[in-house]
Protein backbone atom coordinates (compact mmCIF):
# COMPACT_ATOMS: atom_id res chain seq x y z
CA MET A 1 -181.78 99.81 16.42
CA THR A 2 -181.06 97.95 19.13
CA VAL A 3 -181.99 95.69 22.12
CA ASP A 4 -179.31 96.73 25.33
CA VAL A 5 -180.14 93.96 28.25
CA GLN A 6 -178.36 94.62 31.29
CA ILE A 7 -178.39 92.22 34.09
CA ALA A 8 -178.01 93.90 37.28
CA GLU A 9 -177.35 92.30 40.98
CA LEU A 10 -179.98 89.52 41.25
CA ASP A 11 -180.11 89.43 45.30
CA GLY A 12 -179.51 85.27 43.76
CA ALA A 13 -182.63 85.72 41.74
CA PRO A 14 -182.10 83.22 38.43
CA ALA A 15 -182.42 85.29 34.81
CA PRO A 16 -182.92 83.78 31.54
CA ALA A 17 -179.76 84.75 29.56
CA ALA A 18 -179.74 88.61 27.85
CA SER A 19 -179.51 87.22 24.55
CA GLU A 20 -182.90 85.59 24.85
CA ILE A 21 -184.41 88.31 26.93
CA ALA A 22 -183.47 90.34 23.39
CA ARG A 23 -184.56 87.61 21.87
CA TRP A 24 -188.48 87.41 23.11
CA ALA A 25 -188.26 92.10 23.28
CA GLU A 26 -187.37 91.76 19.54
CA ALA A 27 -189.96 89.91 18.75
CA ALA A 28 -192.25 91.91 20.61
CA ARG A 29 -191.62 94.87 18.97
CA GLY A 30 -192.22 93.88 15.81
CA ASP A 31 -191.48 96.43 12.71
CA ASP A 32 -191.09 99.11 15.29
CA THR A 33 -186.51 100.31 14.67
CA ARG A 34 -186.53 101.87 18.41
CA SER A 35 -183.95 101.12 20.49
CA LEU A 36 -185.34 100.03 23.82
CA CYS A 37 -183.50 99.24 27.28
CA LEU A 38 -184.73 96.11 29.44
CA ARG A 39 -182.46 95.86 32.95
CA VAL A 40 -183.53 92.97 34.65
CA VAL A 41 -182.79 94.05 38.65
CA GLY A 42 -182.69 92.70 42.19
CA GLU A 43 -185.14 93.27 45.18
CA ALA A 44 -183.91 97.05 46.34
CA GLU A 45 -183.44 98.14 42.22
CA GLY A 46 -187.27 97.67 42.26
CA ALA A 47 -188.59 98.99 44.87
CA ALA A 48 -186.55 101.99 44.67
CA LEU A 49 -188.15 102.03 40.61
CA ASN A 50 -191.60 101.71 42.18
CA THR A 51 -191.34 103.89 44.82
CA ARG A 52 -189.88 106.69 42.45
CA PHE A 53 -192.20 106.22 39.47
CA ARG A 54 -195.46 104.85 40.44
CA ASP A 55 -195.32 106.16 44.16
CA ARG A 56 -195.56 101.92 45.30
CA THR A 57 -192.84 100.54 48.16
CA ARG A 58 -192.23 97.09 46.80
CA ALA A 59 -190.71 95.57 43.98
CA THR A 60 -193.22 94.48 41.11
CA ASN A 61 -192.58 92.12 38.23
CA VAL A 62 -192.30 94.38 34.92
CA LEU A 63 -191.88 98.18 34.81
CA ALA A 64 -191.95 100.19 31.55
CA PHE A 65 -190.93 103.86 31.02
CA PRO A 66 -191.76 104.94 27.37
CA ALA A 67 -189.45 107.36 26.27
CA GLU A 68 -190.21 111.17 25.22
CA GLN A 69 -186.71 111.29 22.52
CA PRO A 70 -187.21 110.33 18.91
CA GLY A 71 -185.30 106.59 17.96
CA VAL A 72 -185.66 105.66 21.74
CA LEU A 73 -189.08 103.60 22.47
CA GLY A 74 -188.19 103.44 26.12
CA ASP A 75 -186.79 101.49 29.12
CA ILE A 76 -187.51 98.40 31.23
CA ALA A 77 -187.16 96.93 34.50
CA ILE A 78 -187.65 93.18 35.33
CA CYS A 79 -187.10 92.32 38.55
CA ALA A 80 -185.10 88.83 38.65
CA PRO A 81 -186.46 87.50 42.15
CA VAL A 82 -190.47 89.08 41.86
CA ALA A 83 -190.51 87.20 38.28
CA ALA A 84 -188.69 84.00 39.83
CA LEU A 85 -191.60 83.52 42.92
CA GLU A 86 -194.64 83.66 40.18
CA ALA A 87 -192.97 81.07 38.66
CA ARG A 88 -192.71 78.85 40.88
CA GLN A 89 -195.95 79.92 42.07
CA GLN A 90 -198.03 79.99 39.66
CA ASP A 91 -195.84 76.43 38.39
CA LYS A 92 -194.28 77.81 35.56
CA VAL A 93 -190.98 77.88 33.61
CA LEU A 94 -189.00 80.95 34.31
CA ALA A 95 -188.30 81.23 31.56
CA ASP A 96 -191.85 80.88 30.07
CA HIS A 97 -192.54 83.75 32.37
CA TYR A 98 -189.42 85.91 31.67
CA ALA A 99 -190.57 86.19 27.74
CA HIS A 100 -194.03 86.85 28.58
CA LEU A 101 -193.13 90.02 30.91
CA VAL A 102 -190.43 91.13 28.61
CA VAL A 103 -193.27 90.83 25.85
CA HIS A 104 -195.98 92.68 27.88
CA GLY A 105 -193.58 95.38 29.26
CA VAL A 106 -192.47 95.94 25.12
CA LEU A 107 -196.33 96.54 24.18
CA HIS A 108 -196.91 99.56 26.76
CA LEU A 109 -193.61 100.64 25.20
CA LEU A 110 -195.69 100.55 22.67
CA GLY A 111 -199.01 101.68 23.08
CA LEU A 112 -200.46 98.78 24.07
CA ASP A 113 -203.03 99.09 28.01
CA HIS A 114 -205.20 96.43 30.24
CA ASP A 115 -206.60 99.32 31.83
CA THR A 116 -210.27 98.45 29.99
CA PRO A 117 -211.38 94.79 29.60
CA ARG A 118 -211.25 95.32 25.74
CA LYS A 119 -207.44 97.06 26.44
CA ALA A 120 -207.02 94.12 28.38
CA ALA A 121 -208.28 91.41 25.23
CA ALA A 122 -205.97 93.37 22.83
CA MET A 123 -202.96 92.68 24.43
CA GLU A 124 -203.85 89.78 25.51
CA ALA A 125 -204.31 88.20 22.13
CA ARG A 126 -201.54 89.29 21.11
CA GLU A 127 -199.11 88.65 24.40
CA ILE A 128 -200.60 85.16 23.66
CA ARG A 129 -199.64 85.28 19.88
CA LEU A 130 -196.29 86.57 20.43
CA LEU A 131 -195.49 84.13 22.74
CA GLY A 132 -196.67 81.40 21.06
CA ARG A 133 -193.85 81.84 18.59
CA PHE A 134 -191.35 80.74 20.81
CA GLY A 135 -193.71 77.64 22.02
CA ILE A 136 -194.97 79.68 24.99
CA VAL A 137 -198.58 78.63 25.69
CA ASP A 138 -200.63 80.92 27.42
CA PRO A 139 -200.23 82.43 30.49
CA TYR A 140 -203.58 83.08 31.05
CA GLY A 141 -204.92 79.88 29.94
CA ASP A 142 -205.72 78.32 33.23
CA GLN A 143 -207.33 81.07 34.77
CA THR A 144 -210.48 81.35 36.24
């Protein structure tokens, strides 16, 4: 199945090429053949989605929406301005941070979560392994 990448109005924030985003999503999806849509959005759309679905009034970096129809994994929204700000604040390469957000979102669609320490450790280990395939260092490595 397909990975549909949509690049919306990004408020001037940079974003990787749609082909790169699709490549990261396909790697994270693994053997799962269901299709998914990944949309890179600006601040207003990100805030509207977060308000509508999570009752939070500001944009967040990544949102994942599992599908309830056969053959479809779900949808992911990444807020470009938030991702760019986080990459700067964390002194990370923007593309590497995007790759992490894509992988994180896809793993949520596949049913992984980080709501307990055990689940978080398992999800982070899988993220680190997947990102390593692209030569991206452990995004959690310098946390204390």
